[in-house]
């Protein structure tokens, strides 16, 4: 399933500018992120095997196959990723046992 980077924990070492941007965007999209957090909490309580992919801002760029992943968190300075690379990452996580019952941040 697709969620969003701000639903997960703030990465250790996140630069100040990224923390400020996260708070500003989080204030504007508070209801959306709260809904995504409730969705992830419901999954966590279930017996279902799941993976929540948490991208930052989505773009219409091509699939590059070159991005960062963070199981259980988010890459530092997660700012953008193409929809095509999110799909690529999701396909790559299908058989990854480390991603089961985890949020996985993806970003350039």
Protein backbone atom coordinates (compact mmCIF):
# COMPACT_ATOMS: atom_id res chain seq x y z
CA UNK A 1 0.00 0.00 0.00
CA UNK A 2 1.10 3.60 -0.46
CA UNK A 3 1.25 5.98 2.48
CA UNK A 4 3.53 9.05 2.88
CA UNK A 5 6.96 9.83 4.34
CA UNK A 6 5.61 12.07 7.15
CA UNK A 7 3.61 9.17 8.61
CA UNK A 8 6.86 7.49 9.63
CA UNK A 9 9.52 8.62 12.09
CA UNK A 10 11.82 11.56 11.37
CA UNK A 11 15.18 10.15 10.22
CA UNK A 12 18.15 10.62 12.54
CA UNK A 13 20.35 13.39 11.22
CA UNK A 14 17.55 15.08 9.25
CA UNK A 15 18.76 18.61 8.36
CA UNK A 16 16.94 21.57 9.91
CA UNK A 17 15.53 22.73 6.57
CA UNK A 18 13.92 19.32 6.04
CA UNK A 19 12.49 19.23 9.57
CA UNK A 20 10.97 22.70 9.05
CA UNK A 21 9.54 21.69 5.66
CA UNK A 22 8.09 18.51 7.17
CA UNK A 23 6.32 20.52 9.89
CA UNK A 24 4.98 23.09 7.40
CA UNK A 25 3.64 20.49 4.98
CA UNK A 26 2.36 18.45 7.92
CA UNK A 27 0.36 21.42 9.17
CA UNK A 28 -1.28 21.91 5.77
CA UNK A 29 -1.97 18.21 5.24
CA UNK A 30 -2.68 17.30 8.87
CA UNK A 31 -5.99 15.57 8.14
CA UNK A 32 -4.53 13.54 5.28
CA UNK A 33 -1.55 12.39 7.34
CA UNK A 34 -3.79 11.58 10.32
CA UNK A 35 -5.94 9.41 8.05
CA UNK A 36 -2.86 7.63 6.69
CA UNK A 37 -1.60 7.07 10.25
CA UNK A 38 -4.96 5.52 11.21
CA UNK A 39 -4.75 3.26 8.15
CA UNK A 40 -1.26 2.10 9.09
CA UNK A 41 -2.31 1.57 12.73
CA UNK A 42 -5.19 -0.64 11.57
CA UNK A 43 -2.78 -2.69 9.49
CA UNK A 44 -0.39 -3.03 12.43
CA UNK A 45 -3.21 -4.50 14.53
CA UNK A 46 -4.14 -7.02 11.83
CA UNK A 47 -2.76 -10.48 11.15
CA UNK A 48 -2.28 -9.54 7.50
CA UNK A 49 1.20 -9.42 5.97
CA UNK A 50 1.58 -5.87 4.68
CA UNK A 51 4.14 -3.32 3.55
CA UNK A 52 3.48 0.41 3.55
CA UNK A 53 5.57 2.30 1.00
CA UNK A 54 6.08 5.88 2.15
CA UNK A 55 7.13 8.24 -0.64
CA UNK A 56 7.64 12.01 -0.32
CA UNK A 57 6.42 14.38 -3.07
CA UNK A 58 5.47 12.40 -6.17
CA UNK A 59 6.62 13.49 -9.62
CA UNK A 60 5.80 12.38 -13.15
CA UNK A 61 9.42 11.51 -13.97
CA UNK A 62 10.62 8.26 -15.54
CA UNK A 63 11.58 5.06 -13.78
CA UNK A 64 15.28 5.29 -12.95
CA UNK A 65 15.58 2.34 -10.58
CA UNK A 66 17.95 4.55 -8.59
CA UNK A 67 16.50 5.63 -5.25
CA UNK A 68 17.06 5.13 -1.53
CA UNK A 69 14.98 2.86 0.72
CA UNK A 70 14.72 2.79 4.49
CA UNK A 71 12.85 -0.11 6.09
CA UNK A 72 11.07 1.13 9.21
CA UNK A 73 11.77 4.77 8.45
CA UNK A 74 12.64 7.23 5.72
CA UNK A 75 15.83 8.19 3.91
CA UNK A 76 17.37 11.44 5.19
CA UNK A 77 16.24 14.47 3.16
CA UNK A 78 13.37 12.64 1.47
CA UNK A 79 12.04 15.27 -0.91
CA UNK A 80 10.76 13.64 -4.11
CA UNK A 81 10.47 10.48 -6.18
CA UNK A 82 8.70 9.63 -9.42
CA UNK A 83 5.53 7.57 -9.40
CA UNK A 84 7.31 5.14 -11.73
CA UNK A 85 10.12 4.62 -9.19
CA UNK A 86 7.58 4.12 -6.39
CA UNK A 87 5.99 1.37 -8.49
CA UNK A 88 9.45 -0.09 -9.15
CA UNK A 89 10.22 -0.07 -5.42
CA UNK A 90 6.89 -1.71 -4.59
CA UNK A 91 7.57 -4.53 -7.04
CA UNK A 92 11.03 -4.99 -5.56
CA UNK A 93 9.60 -5.29 -2.04
CA UNK A 94 7.11 -8.06 -2.89
CA UNK A 95 9.50 -10.87 -1.96
CA UNK A 96 11.53 -8.99 0.66
CA UNK A 97 10.85 -10.57 4.07
CA UNK A 98 12.48 -7.57 5.82
CA UNK A 99 9.66 -5.37 4.49
CA UNK A 100 6.78 -7.45 5.87
CA UNK A 101 4.78 -5.53 8.49
CA UNK A 102 6.99 -2.47 7.92
CA UNK A 103 6.80 1.02 6.55
CA UNK A 104 9.44 1.59 3.90
CA UNK A 105 10.48 5.10 2.96
CA UNK A 106 11.59 5.60 -0.64
CA UNK A 107 13.16 8.74 -2.11
CA UNK A 108 15.94 10.03 -4.34
